[in-house]
Protein backbone atom coordinates (compact mmCIF):
# COMPACT_ATOMS: atom_id res chain seq x y z
CA MET A 1 -5.48 31.35 26.32
CA ALA A 2 -5.75 32.01 22.57
CA ASP A 3 -7.11 28.56 22.49
CA SER A 4 -9.51 28.92 24.85
CA PHE A 5 -10.75 31.78 23.06
CA LEU A 6 -11.02 30.25 19.69
CA SER A 7 -12.83 27.35 21.14
CA SER A 8 -15.15 29.73 22.47
CA LEU A 9 -15.96 31.62 19.65
CA SER A 10 -15.96 28.58 17.51
CA ARG A 11 -19.10 27.23 19.85
CA ARG A 12 -20.90 30.52 20.34
CA PHE A 13 -20.98 30.63 16.23
CA SER A 14 -21.05 26.87 15.32
CA GLY A 15 -23.99 27.24 13.34
CA ILE A 16 -22.58 29.00 10.48
CA LEU A 17 -18.89 27.79 10.80
CA PRO A 18 -17.84 25.44 8.41
CA ARG A 19 -17.02 22.03 9.91
CA LYS A 20 -13.06 22.32 9.48
CA TRP A 21 -13.23 25.44 11.30
CA ARG A 22 -14.90 24.41 14.28
CA ARG A 23 -12.59 23.51 17.55
CA ASP A 24 -15.58 22.11 19.35
CA LEU A 25 -16.45 19.09 17.41
CA PRO A 26 -13.96 16.00 18.50
CA VAL A 27 -11.14 15.30 15.82
CA VAL A 28 -8.68 12.35 15.23
CA PRO A 29 -6.31 12.74 12.72
CA VAL A 30 -5.36 10.44 9.98
CA VAL A 31 -2.07 8.92 8.48
CA ARG A 32 -2.17 6.83 5.56
CA LEU A 33 0.70 4.57 5.47
CA SER A 34 0.79 2.63 2.03
CA GLY A 35 3.35 1.04 -0.22
CA ALA A 36 6.24 -1.47 0.40
CA ILE A 37 8.30 -0.71 3.03
CA GLY A 38 11.95 0.92 2.77
CA MET A 39 11.93 0.34 -1.12
CA GLN A 40 13.26 3.33 -3.25
CA THR A 41 11.85 6.64 -2.71
CA THR A 42 11.75 8.91 -5.97
CA PRO A 43 8.82 10.78 -8.15
CA PHE A 44 8.18 7.62 -9.85
CA ALA A 45 7.91 5.52 -7.22
CA ARG A 46 6.75 6.26 -3.32
CA SER A 47 7.75 3.82 -0.43
CA LEU A 48 7.39 3.54 3.42
CA SER A 49 10.36 4.57 5.33
CA LEU A 50 10.62 6.62 8.51
CA ALA A 51 12.06 9.52 6.90
CA GLY A 52 9.25 9.69 4.83
CA THR A 53 6.37 8.99 7.53
CA ALA A 54 7.71 11.17 10.46
CA GLN A 55 6.82 14.18 9.56
CA ALA A 56 3.28 13.31 9.43
CA LEU A 57 3.37 11.34 12.18
CA ASP A 58 4.99 14.00 14.36
CA LYS A 59 2.15 16.71 13.05
CA ALA A 60 -0.48 13.84 13.80
CA PHE A 61 -0.10 13.43 17.32
CA ALA A 62 1.13 17.12 17.93
CA MET A 63 -2.55 17.95 17.46
CA LYS A 64 -3.62 18.54 21.53
CA SER A 65 -6.96 18.78 21.28
CA ALA A 66 -7.16 14.82 19.59
CA PRO A 67 -7.97 11.95 21.94
CA ALA A 68 -6.76 9.46 19.03
CA VAL A 69 -4.53 8.88 16.02
CA ALA A 70 -5.60 6.77 12.87
CA LEU A 71 -3.33 4.88 10.94
CA LEU A 72 -4.37 3.71 7.25
CA ILE A 73 -2.48 1.03 6.98
CA ASN A 74 -1.95 -0.90 3.30
CA SER A 75 1.20 -2.75 2.67
CA PRO A 76 2.56 -6.05 2.03
CA GLY A 77 5.63 -5.70 3.60
CA GLY A 78 9.23 -4.92 2.93
CA SER A 79 11.99 -3.73 4.87
CA PRO A 80 12.18 -5.38 8.55
CA VAL A 81 14.43 -2.61 10.16
CA GLN A 82 12.30 0.39 8.48
CA SER A 83 8.83 -1.20 10.14
CA HIS A 84 10.85 -1.80 13.16
CA LEU A 85 11.59 2.16 13.13
CA ILE A 86 8.02 3.04 12.14
CA PHE A 87 6.67 0.83 14.78
CA ARG A 88 9.22 2.64 17.69
CA ARG A 89 8.15 6.02 16.24
CA ILE A 90 4.34 5.54 16.50
CA ARG A 91 4.66 3.60 19.92
CA ALA A 92 7.09 6.61 21.27
CA LEU A 93 4.50 9.42 20.25
CA ALA A 94 1.61 8.05 21.55
CA GLU A 95 2.99 7.38 25.18
CA GLU A 96 4.64 11.26 24.99
CA ASN A 97 1.22 12.47 23.90
CA GLU A 98 -1.02 10.33 25.98
CA LYS A 99 -2.81 9.25 22.81
CA HIS A 100 -4.76 6.37 21.74
CA VAL A 101 -4.04 4.84 18.42
CA PHE A 102 -6.21 3.21 15.85
CA ALA A 103 -4.70 0.90 12.75
CA PHE A 104 -7.23 0.20 9.93
CA VAL A 105 -6.19 -2.22 7.25
CA GLU A 106 -7.06 -1.56 3.87
CA ASP A 107 -6.06 -4.16 1.25
CA ALA A 108 -3.24 -5.93 3.45
CA ALA A 109 -1.25 -5.17 6.35
CA ALA A 110 1.39 -8.22 5.82
CA SER A 111 4.88 -9.13 7.13
CA GLY A 112 5.81 -5.58 7.88
CA GLY A 113 2.80 -3.90 7.11
CA TYR A 114 1.22 -5.66 10.09
CA MET A 115 4.28 -5.18 12.06
CA ILE A 116 3.35 -1.31 11.69
CA ALA A 117 -0.10 -2.38 12.41
CA CYS A 118 0.36 -3.28 16.09
CA ALA A 119 2.01 -0.10 17.35
CA ALA A 120 -1.93 0.63 17.59
CA ASP A 121 -4.05 0.23 20.27
CA GLU A 122 -6.82 -1.12 18.45
CA ILE A 123 -6.29 -2.66 14.83
CA PHE A 124 -9.42 -2.93 12.64
CA ALA A 125 -9.79 -4.59 9.12
CA ASP A 126 -12.08 -4.81 6.14
CA PRO A 127 -13.58 -8.48 6.05
CA CYS A 128 -11.50 -8.95 2.45
CA SER A 129 -8.26 -7.88 3.76
CA ILE A 130 -5.13 -9.34 3.91
CA VAL A 131 -3.66 -9.48 7.55
CA GLY A 132 -0.52 -11.40 9.08
CA SER A 133 2.68 -13.14 7.05
CA ILE A 134 4.26 -13.09 10.50
CA GLY A 135 7.62 -14.29 8.61
CA VAL A 136 10.83 -13.53 7.43
CA VAL A 137 11.87 -13.81 4.17
CA THR A 138 15.33 -13.47 1.57
CA ALA A 139 14.95 -14.03 -2.15
CA GLY A 140 17.70 -13.55 -4.98
CA PHE A 141 18.65 -15.36 -8.22
CA GLY A 142 22.13 -17.45 -9.24
CA PHE A 143 23.60 -16.42 -12.03
CA ASP A 144 26.97 -18.54 -11.84
CA LYS A 145 25.98 -20.91 -14.48
CA ALA A 146 24.72 -18.43 -17.11
CA ILE A 147 28.11 -16.83 -16.69
CA GLU A 148 29.84 -19.77 -17.26
CA LYS A 149 27.78 -20.03 -20.54
CA LEU A 150 28.72 -16.87 -21.53
CA GLY A 151 32.74 -17.40 -21.16
CA VAL A 152 32.61 -14.47 -18.33
CA GLU A 153 35.64 -14.64 -16.07
CA ARG A 154 34.48 -13.87 -12.66
CA ARG A 155 36.87 -11.91 -10.57
CA VAL A 156 36.77 -11.28 -6.95
CA TYR A 157 39.52 -9.85 -4.56
CA THR A 158 38.43 -9.20 -0.79
CA ALA A 159 39.71 -9.35 2.82
CA GLY A 160 37.62 -11.12 5.15
CA GLU A 161 36.68 -14.38 4.31
CA ARG A 162 32.54 -13.73 4.21
CA LYS A 163 32.76 -10.81 2.86
CA VAL A 164 31.33 -12.19 -0.57
CA THR A 165 28.79 -14.24 1.56
CA LEU A 166 25.67 -15.39 -1.11
CA ASP A 167 27.56 -14.18 -4.56
CA PRO A 168 25.20 -14.93 -6.61
CA PHE A 169 27.51 -15.39 -9.03
CA ARG A 170 29.21 -18.36 -7.78
CA PRO A 171 27.79 -21.46 -6.35
CA THR A 172 25.73 -21.74 -3.35
CA ARG A 173 27.84 -22.76 -0.21
CA PRO A 174 26.27 -24.77 2.41
CA GLU A 175 28.03 -22.30 5.04
CA ASP A 176 26.48 -19.20 3.61
CA VAL A 177 23.17 -20.79 3.62
CA GLU A 178 23.50 -21.88 7.08
CA ARG A 179 24.51 -18.21 8.49
CA LEU A 180 21.70 -16.84 6.79
CA ASP A 181 19.46 -19.21 8.47
CA VAL A 182 20.53 -18.26 11.66
CA LEU A 183 20.06 -14.66 10.95
CA LEU A 184 16.63 -15.24 9.63
CA LYS A 185 15.49 -17.16 12.47
CA GLU A 186 16.81 -14.21 14.94
CA LEU A 187 14.76 -11.79 12.88
CA HIS A 188 11.72 -14.29 12.93
CA THR A 189 11.95 -13.95 16.77
CA VAL A 190 12.23 -10.36 17.16
CA PHE A 191 9.16 -10.40 15.08
CA VAL A 192 7.54 -12.81 16.80
CA ASP A 193 8.14 -11.03 20.41
CA LEU A 194 6.63 -8.23 18.98
CA VAL A 195 3.46 -9.20 18.04
CA ARG A 196 3.22 -10.95 21.61
CA SER A 197 3.64 -8.22 23.53
CA ARG A 198 1.37 -5.80 21.28
CA ARG A 199 -1.78 -8.38 21.00
CA GLY A 200 -1.14 -9.90 24.31
CA ASP A 201 -4.25 -12.02 25.61
CA ALA A 202 -5.93 -11.29 22.48
CA LEU A 203 -3.58 -14.64 20.71
CA PRO A 204 -4.46 -18.21 21.20
CA ALA A 205 -1.46 -19.38 23.40
CA ASP A 206 -0.67 -22.23 21.20
CA ASP A 207 -1.28 -21.55 17.52
CA GLU A 208 1.77 -21.59 16.34
CA SER A 209 0.34 -21.26 12.71
CA LEU A 210 0.31 -17.63 13.88
CA PHE A 211 4.03 -17.26 13.24
CA SER A 212 4.38 -19.45 10.22
CA GLY A 213 4.33 -16.86 7.42
CA GLU A 214 0.87 -17.73 6.49
CA PHE A 215 -1.67 -14.62 6.11
CA TRP A 216 -5.60 -14.59 6.55
CA LEU A 217 -8.91 -12.68 5.43
CA GLY A 218 -9.74 -10.26 8.11
CA THR A 219 -12.66 -12.07 9.03
CA GLN A 220 -10.25 -14.84 10.06
CA ALA A 221 -7.69 -12.37 11.43
CA ALA A 222 -10.34 -11.36 13.50
CA GLY A 223 -11.51 -14.73 15.40
CA LEU A 224 -7.53 -15.48 15.30
CA GLY A 225 -6.94 -12.00 17.48
CA LEU A 226 -4.68 -10.38 15.26
CA VAL A 227 -7.66 -8.16 14.84
CA ASP A 228 -10.21 -6.60 17.02
CA GLY A 229 -12.71 -6.20 14.53
CA LEU A 230 -13.74 -5.64 11.44
CA GLY A 231 -14.60 -2.34 9.80
CA ASP A 232 -13.37 1.29 8.38
CA VAL A 233 -12.41 3.99 9.90
CA ARG A 234 -15.52 6.49 9.28
CA SER A 235 -17.88 3.73 10.79
CA ILE A 236 -15.21 2.90 13.81
CA LEU A 237 -14.52 6.46 14.65
CA LYS A 238 -17.80 7.85 14.21
CA ALA A 239 -19.10 4.93 16.19
CA ARG A 240 -16.73 6.13 19.10
CA TYR A 241 -16.34 9.57 18.90
CA GLY A 242 -19.89 10.80 17.62
CA GLU A 243 -21.24 11.62 13.95
CA GLU A 244 -19.54 14.90 13.93
CA VAL A 245 -16.14 13.76 14.53
CA ARG A 246 -13.44 15.36 12.22
CA MET A 247 -10.91 13.07 10.53
CA PRO A 248 -8.41 15.20 8.99
CA LEU A 249 -5.91 13.86 6.86
CA VAL A 250 -2.45 14.69 7.79
CA GLN A 251 0.81 14.40 5.58
CA SER A 252 4.33 14.98 4.94
CA SER A 253 5.57 17.66 3.01
CA SER A 254 7.92 16.86 0.21
CA GLY A 255 9.50 18.23 -3.12
CA LEU A 256 9.46 16.41 -6.12
CA ILE A 257 13.05 17.21 -7.70
CA PRO A 258 16.00 16.88 -5.36
CA ARG A 259 18.66 19.91 -5.99
CA ARG A 260 21.96 19.06 -6.67
CA PRO A 261 25.06 21.05 -7.74
CA GLY A 262 25.82 21.83 -11.25
CA GLY A 263 24.02 23.13 -14.51
CA PHE A 264 20.57 23.26 -13.51
CA GLY A 265 19.28 21.59 -17.06
CA ALA A 266 22.06 18.85 -16.83
CA ALA A 267 21.18 17.77 -13.31
CA LEU A 268 17.48 17.55 -13.90
CA ALA A 269 17.71 15.55 -16.38
CA GLY A 270 20.17 13.12 -15.06
CA SER A 271 18.12 12.93 -11.54
CA LEU A 272 15.03 12.35 -13.44
CA ALA A 273 16.92 9.78 -16.00
CA SER A 274 18.02 7.91 -12.70
CA GLN A 275 14.84 8.32 -10.55
CA ALA A 276 13.32 6.77 -13.13
CA ALA A 277 15.32 3.47 -13.29
CA ASP A 278 15.07 3.17 -9.61
CA GLY A 279 11.64 3.41 -9.87
CA ALA A 280 11.13 0.61 -12.06
CA MET A 281 13.51 -1.54 -10.18
CA ALA A 282 11.37 -0.56 -7.10
CA ALA A 283 8.40 -1.38 -9.01
CA VAL A 284 9.30 -4.46 -9.84
CA GLU A 285 10.61 -5.38 -6.46
CA GLU A 286 6.78 -4.02 -4.68
CA ARG A 287 4.79 -5.95 -7.56
CA ALA A 288 6.68 -9.23 -6.11
CA LEU A 289 5.43 -8.51 -2.84
CA TRP A 290 1.89 -8.03 -3.45
CA SER A 291 2.40 -11.13 -5.96
CA ARG A 292 3.07 -13.12 -2.97
CA LEU A 293 -0.32 -12.25 -0.88
CA GLY A 294 -2.21 -13.12 -4.44
CA LEU A 295 -3.31 -9.27 -4.99
């Protein structure tokens, strides 16, 4: 009853009300999903995770009058688990609330970023966007020769023969690499099946290069069926819902300083110092992800 009254009032005074107060105009909430996925999140570094995005997604899909939700995606990838969790949350909310979902790629929707984009019913990219990288990667460093030169003796005690699999402080063992290869292939299969299920007939049936880990520009991705077209959020939504469509940005609310027991000053100093270090490491990891795309 209240919504009906407000909508009627909005139509009556549409000529003088600000656009953001008018309920007679179509509205498509916009959620920005930006950054590496699953990295450490601190006031000094932000990343994508289900915990950090769930509130904004819930708010956007809860707008009853909205026919759709738009996702602005700009991610080089990251954690496969967090990528899949965000994907599943978007699909669940879309089905529960009967909303059409648009994804708009900015600089990149690569690897886990593209997995999240696949939660949309339609994907659009800029001609210069990076799209794809449908693959799985893990990387590390070996320090066994370095500690040998330094004269450092490594002492490790375990219960369980596989507990020190891929230990960076000892030489690589073939059985460890073989085990890792099995895990990576299984993850890759999950990713490929997800893309095929969401993109359907849009993908060429016999082009296995799509799943090689390669990535493409937006113009190429459109030809390969990885995206549905080229365009930005404003032009596409205005073409679809009219020139006066409202596109409010929906964000999660979060505090910058976590609460800790003990003296406030000491806790604050310790917290910020720790988070600065974590943020620096996360920034290095994220920079590496973007660098793989040449960005």
